[in-house]
Amino acid sequence: MRFPYYIFNLKNSANLRERISYYRQYRLSIRDTPMIPVKPIANFNYVTLTCRKDLKMTQLSLETLVRHSSALPELVVAYDESLTENEVQEAFKFWSRPFLCLDRLSTAKFHHDQGQQLLANFCDKHIFGFKLSVCLRVAQQNRVLYADSDVLWFRDSVELMKRYSEKAIYAAEDYNDSYNKKLLLKLDEQLQKYLAQTPFINAGFAIFNRFIPEIDEYKEFLSYILAEQPIHHFSEQTLVAILTKTIGDTIKEQDVYVKEHYLTSWKASFCQKPWIARHYISPVRHQLWIDAITAVN
């Protein structure tokens, strides 16, 4: 990343918070991620999805996970076609143990071989279908904690997994109903009303405590998703919302914060908050770089 000289141009439209964010992003981009110390092994898998443009953000996410976790989960990095496995291994070489890299092709084949052709097709045709498919693949072996690359950690992930262990699936609470509305119309009326109620669901942070065979009950919806051209951006989130509302529960806001409030310029937004982690959705993505300086120091 080049030095952002444009932050000194008072004629552009960037506000002070944005200028600070750009500068801190630059500082973090030239910083080497320190090697992760050896810690006990946690009994769950941590899955994240990355791409070339999000590598630094993913590195920061994993570094904050390690800094605040009493034990380290088994790491699974799913990566898109902008990267090779060798590049992923190199980018995350600071991880103190071997980790698993999963690409889209092998994941689609895995589900195809399991007889889940619709899920395999969803994996193949949409990046978020790939994300869901990876989580379901890994959940056949062990519990899964999934977090997008734009998540920073402030407290122990092991404690979070202890709090949310009873139900099959948990997902973060969202302030907005970012769903595939046409897909919702295909649900029965009672479930439609349930999904229309708060809290809404954000699939960028979820816990899979087991494999979810209930996904097979929604083959009709998967067929509809695949028939849309293009596939709706929030179809995967809608599926996760359906599963969370029917066989799971939400991860409470005080544990994983998703909302667009608490924006700061200097002091990190998570100071004096109870949050275990924060998911920096796109409207507040600039806040991630402001907070990351504190989170990794």
Protein backbone atom coordinates (compact mmCIF):
# COMPACT_ATOMS: atom_id res chain seq x y z
CA MET A 1 0.00 0.00 0.00
CA ARG A 2 1.35 3.41 -0.96
CA PHE A 3 1.44 6.25 1.52
CA PRO A 4 -1.98 8.02 1.38
CA TYR A 5 -0.83 11.54 0.58
CA TYR A 6 -4.40 12.46 -0.32
CA ILE A 7 -5.27 12.61 3.40
CA PHE A 8 -3.47 15.97 3.49
CA ASN A 9 -5.56 17.37 0.63
CA LEU A 10 -8.16 19.50 2.37
CA LYS A 11 -10.12 19.88 -0.87
CA ASN A 12 -11.26 16.28 -1.04
CA SER A 13 -14.42 15.09 0.71
CA ALA A 14 -12.82 12.82 3.33
CA ASN A 15 -13.69 13.70 6.93
CA LEU A 16 -11.23 13.53 9.83
CA ARG A 17 -12.24 9.99 10.81
CA GLU A 18 -11.69 8.73 7.27
CA ARG A 19 -8.30 10.42 7.03
CA ILE A 20 -7.18 8.82 10.29
CA SER A 21 -8.48 5.46 9.09
CA TYR A 22 -6.51 5.68 5.83
CA TYR A 23 -3.34 6.60 7.71
CA ARG A 24 -3.72 3.76 10.21
CA GLN A 25 -4.44 1.32 7.41
CA TYR A 26 -1.15 2.37 5.83
CA ARG A 27 0.73 1.92 9.11
CA LEU A 28 -0.72 -1.56 9.52
CA SER A 29 0.04 -2.47 5.90
CA ILE A 30 3.80 -1.99 6.40
CA ARG A 31 3.83 -3.81 9.74
CA ASP A 32 4.94 -7.46 9.89
CA THR A 33 2.62 -9.78 11.76
CA PRO A 34 4.54 -11.25 14.72
CA MET A 35 4.83 -15.02 15.09
CA ILE A 36 2.02 -16.46 17.15
CA PRO A 37 3.07 -18.00 20.48
CA VAL A 38 2.29 -21.65 21.13
CA LYS A 39 -0.90 -22.09 23.16
CA PRO A 40 -3.08 -25.04 24.16
CA ILE A 41 -5.31 -26.47 21.43
CA ALA A 42 -8.99 -25.54 21.60
CA ASN A 43 -11.60 -28.13 20.68
CA PHE A 44 -13.12 -26.31 17.71
CA ASN A 45 -12.23 -25.16 14.21
CA TYR A 46 -11.94 -21.52 13.26
CA VAL A 47 -12.98 -20.89 9.65
CA THR A 48 -12.46 -17.66 7.75
CA LEU A 49 -12.76 -16.65 4.10
CA THR A 50 -10.20 -14.44 2.40
CA CYS A 51 -9.09 -13.06 -0.96
CA ARG A 52 -6.08 -11.13 -2.21
CA LYS A 53 -7.44 -7.68 -1.37
CA ASP A 54 -8.43 -8.75 2.16
CA LEU A 55 -5.21 -10.52 3.18
CA LYS A 56 -4.00 -7.81 5.58
CA MET A 57 -7.43 -7.55 7.19
CA THR A 58 -7.52 -11.34 7.64
CA GLN A 59 -4.04 -11.29 9.19
CA LEU A 60 -5.16 -8.65 11.69
CA SER A 61 -8.33 -10.59 12.48
CA LEU A 62 -6.35 -13.74 13.24
CA GLU A 63 -3.72 -11.85 15.22
CA THR A 64 -6.37 -10.33 17.50
CA LEU A 65 -8.00 -13.76 17.86
CA VAL A 66 -4.73 -15.21 19.12
CA ARG A 67 -3.86 -12.31 21.41
CA HIS A 68 -7.10 -12.67 23.34
CA SER A 69 -7.74 -16.44 23.24
CA SER A 70 -6.66 -18.78 26.03
CA ALA A 71 -6.32 -21.64 23.53
CA LEU A 72 -5.94 -21.79 19.75
CA PRO A 73 -8.53 -23.44 17.52
CA GLU A 74 -7.61 -25.47 14.47
CA LEU A 75 -7.45 -22.92 11.65
CA VAL A 76 -9.17 -23.38 8.29
CA VAL A 77 -8.64 -20.69 5.65
CA ALA A 78 -10.99 -20.73 2.67
CA TYR A 79 -9.66 -18.72 -0.25
CA ASP A 80 -11.05 -17.61 -3.60
CA GLU A 81 -9.54 -17.77 -7.09
CA SER A 82 -7.50 -14.58 -6.61
CA LEU A 83 -5.02 -16.61 -4.52
CA THR A 84 -3.12 -19.87 -4.67
CA GLU A 85 -2.63 -22.24 -1.76
CA ASN A 86 1.07 -21.36 -1.62
CA GLU A 87 0.22 -17.67 -1.31
CA VAL A 88 -2.22 -18.39 1.51
CA GLN A 89 0.34 -20.50 3.35
CA GLU A 90 2.89 -17.70 2.98
CA ALA A 91 0.45 -14.98 4.12
CA PHE A 92 -0.41 -16.84 7.32
CA LYS A 93 2.95 -18.38 8.10
CA PHE A 94 2.85 -16.57 11.46
CA TRP A 95 0.28 -19.15 12.64
CA SER A 96 2.19 -21.41 15.02
CA ARG A 97 0.69 -24.70 13.80
CA PRO A 98 -0.14 -26.24 10.43
CA PHE A 99 -3.51 -25.11 9.11
CA LEU A 100 -5.90 -26.26 6.41
CA CYS A 101 -6.46 -24.35 3.16
CA LEU A 102 -9.69 -25.04 1.28
CA ASP A 103 -10.51 -23.86 -2.23
CA ARG A 104 -13.84 -23.71 -3.99
CA LEU A 105 -13.22 -26.60 -6.40
CA SER A 106 -12.38 -29.16 -3.72
CA THR A 107 -15.25 -28.01 -1.51
CA ALA A 108 -17.79 -28.30 -4.33
CA LYS A 109 -16.44 -31.79 -5.10
CA PHE A 110 -16.72 -32.75 -1.43
CA HIS A 111 -20.42 -31.95 -1.35
CA HIS A 112 -20.97 -33.51 -4.78
CA ASP A 113 -19.43 -36.76 -3.52
CA GLN A 114 -21.72 -36.56 -0.47
CA GLY A 115 -24.76 -36.45 -2.73
CA GLN A 116 -25.46 -32.77 -1.99
CA GLN A 117 -25.47 -31.57 -5.57
CA LEU A 118 -27.48 -28.38 -4.98
CA LEU A 119 -25.08 -27.30 -2.24
CA ALA A 120 -22.15 -28.16 -4.50
CA ASN A 121 -23.65 -25.99 -7.25
CA PHE A 122 -24.24 -23.12 -4.82
CA CYS A 123 -20.60 -23.41 -3.74
CA ASP A 124 -19.45 -23.31 -7.34
CA LYS A 125 -21.59 -20.38 -8.44
CA HIS A 126 -21.42 -17.88 -5.58
CA ILE A 127 -18.71 -16.85 -3.13
CA PHE A 128 -21.10 -16.94 -0.17
CA GLY A 129 -22.32 -20.34 -1.26
CA PHE A 130 -18.68 -21.35 -1.02
CA LYS A 131 -18.49 -19.87 2.49
CA LEU A 132 -21.53 -21.81 3.71
CA SER A 133 -20.30 -24.99 2.03
CA VAL A 134 -16.92 -24.77 3.76
CA CYS A 135 -18.57 -24.33 7.17
CA LEU A 136 -20.83 -27.33 6.60
CA ARG A 137 -17.91 -29.38 5.33
CA VAL A 138 -15.74 -28.67 8.38
CA ALA A 139 -18.68 -29.07 10.77
CA GLN A 140 -18.87 -32.74 9.83
CA GLN A 141 -15.63 -33.19 11.80
CA ASN A 142 -15.82 -30.68 14.67
CA ARG A 143 -17.53 -27.55 15.97
CA VAL A 144 -17.00 -24.50 13.77
CA LEU A 145 -16.59 -20.85 14.64
CA TYR A 146 -16.87 -18.85 11.43
CA ALA A 147 -15.87 -15.17 11.20
CA ASP A 148 -15.46 -12.93 8.16
CA SER A 149 -12.12 -11.22 7.58
CA ASP A 150 -13.51 -7.92 8.89
CA VAL A 151 -13.78 -9.15 12.50
CA LEU A 152 -11.51 -8.04 15.34
CA TRP A 153 -11.28 -9.86 18.67
CA PHE A 154 -11.06 -8.26 22.12
CA ARG A 155 -11.77 -11.18 24.46
CA ASP A 156 -11.47 -14.96 24.62
CA SER A 157 -12.99 -16.95 21.73
CA VAL A 158 -12.95 -20.06 23.94
CA GLU A 159 -15.29 -18.34 26.38
CA LEU A 160 -17.61 -17.42 23.50
CA MET A 161 -17.78 -21.05 22.40
CA LYS A 162 -18.66 -22.12 25.95
CA ARG A 163 -21.55 -19.65 26.04
CA TYR A 164 -23.01 -20.87 22.74
CA SER A 165 -22.78 -24.65 22.80
CA GLU A 166 -26.29 -25.98 23.29
CA LYS A 167 -28.04 -25.40 19.96
CA ALA A 168 -27.05 -26.52 16.47
CA ILE A 169 -26.30 -23.08 15.06
CA TYR A 170 -25.87 -19.53 16.29
CA ALA A 171 -25.39 -16.35 14.26
CA ALA A 172 -24.72 -12.71 15.07
CA GLU A 173 -27.55 -10.21 15.45
CA ASP A 174 -27.90 -7.63 12.69
CA TYR A 175 -29.66 -4.26 12.78
CA ASN A 176 -30.99 -4.66 9.25
CA ASP A 177 -32.92 -7.41 7.43
CA SER A 178 -30.44 -7.96 4.63
CA TYR A 179 -32.19 -10.96 3.10
CA ASN A 180 -33.28 -12.24 -0.29
CA LYS A 181 -36.86 -10.98 -0.01
CA LYS A 182 -38.11 -13.06 -2.97
CA LEU A 183 -36.77 -16.18 -1.29
CA LEU A 184 -38.59 -15.26 1.93
CA LEU A 185 -41.89 -15.21 0.03
CA LYS A 186 -41.48 -18.94 -0.61
CA LEU A 187 -41.54 -19.71 3.12
CA ASP A 188 -44.73 -20.48 5.01
CA GLU A 189 -46.46 -17.42 6.45
CA GLN A 190 -45.53 -18.13 10.06
CA LEU A 191 -41.81 -18.43 9.28
CA GLN A 192 -41.97 -15.28 7.15
CA LYS A 193 -43.33 -13.37 10.14
CA TYR A 194 -40.67 -14.86 12.42
CA LEU A 195 -37.86 -13.77 10.10
CA ALA A 196 -39.40 -10.30 9.85
CA GLN A 197 -39.00 -9.88 13.61
CA THR A 198 -35.87 -8.55 15.29
CA PRO A 199 -33.18 -9.52 15.88
CA PHE A 200 -32.19 -10.01 12.26
CA ILE A 201 -29.35 -12.35 11.34
CA ASN A 202 -25.83 -11.65 10.10
CA ALA A 203 -24.06 -14.66 8.57
CA GLY A 204 -20.63 -13.04 8.76
CA PHE A 205 -20.22 -14.45 12.25
CA ALA A 206 -21.68 -17.84 13.12
CA ILE A 207 -21.17 -20.97 15.20
CA PHE A 208 -21.95 -24.43 13.84
CA ASN A 209 -22.02 -26.88 16.75
CA ARG A 210 -22.66 -29.82 14.45
CA PHE A 211 -23.27 -30.62 10.83
CA ILE A 212 -26.64 -29.23 9.72
CA PRO A 213 -28.50 -32.02 7.85
CA GLU A 214 -31.58 -29.77 8.08
CA ILE A 215 -30.17 -27.95 5.03
CA ASP A 216 -31.65 -30.82 2.99
CA GLU A 217 -35.13 -29.64 4.00
CA TYR A 218 -34.55 -26.52 1.92
CA LYS A 219 -33.66 -28.07 -1.42
CA GLU A 220 -36.53 -26.16 -3.02
CA PHE A 221 -35.01 -22.89 -1.84
CA LEU A 222 -31.54 -23.87 -3.03
CA SER A 223 -33.02 -24.63 -6.45
CA TYR A 224 -34.68 -21.20 -6.48
CA ILE A 225 -31.42 -19.50 -5.42
CA LEU A 226 -29.51 -21.21 -8.23
CA ALA A 227 -32.16 -20.25 -10.80
CA GLU A 228 -31.79 -16.52 -10.07
CA GLN A 229 -29.58 -14.59 -12.50
CA PRO A 230 -27.50 -13.29 -10.92
CA ILE A 231 -27.67 -15.15 -7.61
CA HIS A 232 -28.86 -12.74 -4.93
CA HIS A 233 -26.06 -11.34 -2.76
CA PHE A 234 -27.89 -12.21 0.47
CA SER A 235 -29.24 -15.66 -0.40
CA GLU A 236 -26.70 -17.41 1.82
CA GLN A 237 -27.47 -15.04 4.70
CA THR A 238 -31.17 -15.79 4.23
CA LEU A 239 -30.52 -19.54 4.48
CA VAL A 240 -28.44 -19.04 7.63
CA ALA A 241 -31.21 -16.86 9.07
CA ILE A 242 -33.80 -19.58 8.40
CA LEU A 243 -31.65 -22.22 10.09
CA THR A 244 -30.81 -19.92 13.02
CA LYS A 245 -34.44 -19.03 13.64
CA THR A 246 -35.67 -22.64 13.38
CA ILE A 247 -32.99 -24.82 15.02
CA GLY A 248 -30.64 -22.28 16.60
CA ASP A 249 -30.41 -18.90 18.26
CA THR A 250 -28.57 -15.59 18.01
CA ILE A 251 -25.20 -14.53 19.40
CA LYS A 252 -26.11 -11.61 21.61
CA GLU A 253 -25.14 -8.08 20.68
CA GLN A 254 -23.11 -7.58 23.85
CA ASP A 255 -20.89 -10.50 22.80
CA VAL A 256 -20.46 -9.82 19.07
CA TYR A 257 -21.27 -6.30 17.95
CA VAL A 258 -22.45 -5.69 14.38
CA LYS A 259 -24.34 -2.38 14.41
CA GLU A 260 -23.17 0.82 12.72
CA HIS A 261 -22.89 2.87 15.90
CA TYR A 262 -19.85 3.62 18.09
CA LEU A 263 -17.68 5.42 15.55
CA THR A 264 -14.55 7.11 16.86
CA SER A 265 -11.54 8.94 15.48
CA TRP A 266 -8.79 8.38 18.03
CA LYS A 267 -9.87 6.14 20.88
CA ALA A 268 -10.81 2.57 19.88
CA SER A 269 -14.56 1.94 19.76
CA PHE A 270 -14.33 -1.22 21.86
CA CYS A 271 -12.80 0.43 24.93
CA GLN A 272 -14.99 -0.15 28.01
CA LYS A 273 -17.40 -2.30 25.99
CA PRO A 274 -18.30 -5.92 26.87
CA TRP A 275 -17.79 -7.12 23.29
CA ILE A 276 -15.84 -10.29 22.65
CA ALA A 277 -15.55 -9.34 18.98
CA ARG A 278 -16.85 -6.77 16.51
CA HIS A 279 -17.86 -7.38 12.91
CA TYR A 280 -17.03 -4.24 10.91
CA ILE A 281 -19.69 -4.34 8.21
CA SER A 282 -19.12 -2.17 5.15
CA PRO A 283 -20.72 1.08 6.47
CA VAL A 284 -18.19 1.10 9.34
CA ARG A 285 -15.24 -0.66 7.70
CA HIS A 286 -13.03 2.41 8.20
CA GLN A 287 -13.47 1.92 11.96
CA LEU A 288 -11.68 -1.43 11.76
CA TRP A 289 -8.37 0.27 10.91
CA ILE A 290 -8.82 2.80 13.71
CA ASP A 291 -9.53 0.03 16.23
CA ALA A 292 -6.91 -2.43 14.95
CA ILE A 293 -3.99 -0.26 16.09
CA THR A 294 -5.17 -0.68 19.69
CA ALA A 295 -6.31 -4.28 19.28
CA VAL A 296 -2.86 -5.54 18.21
CA ASN A 297 -0.88 -3.54 20.79
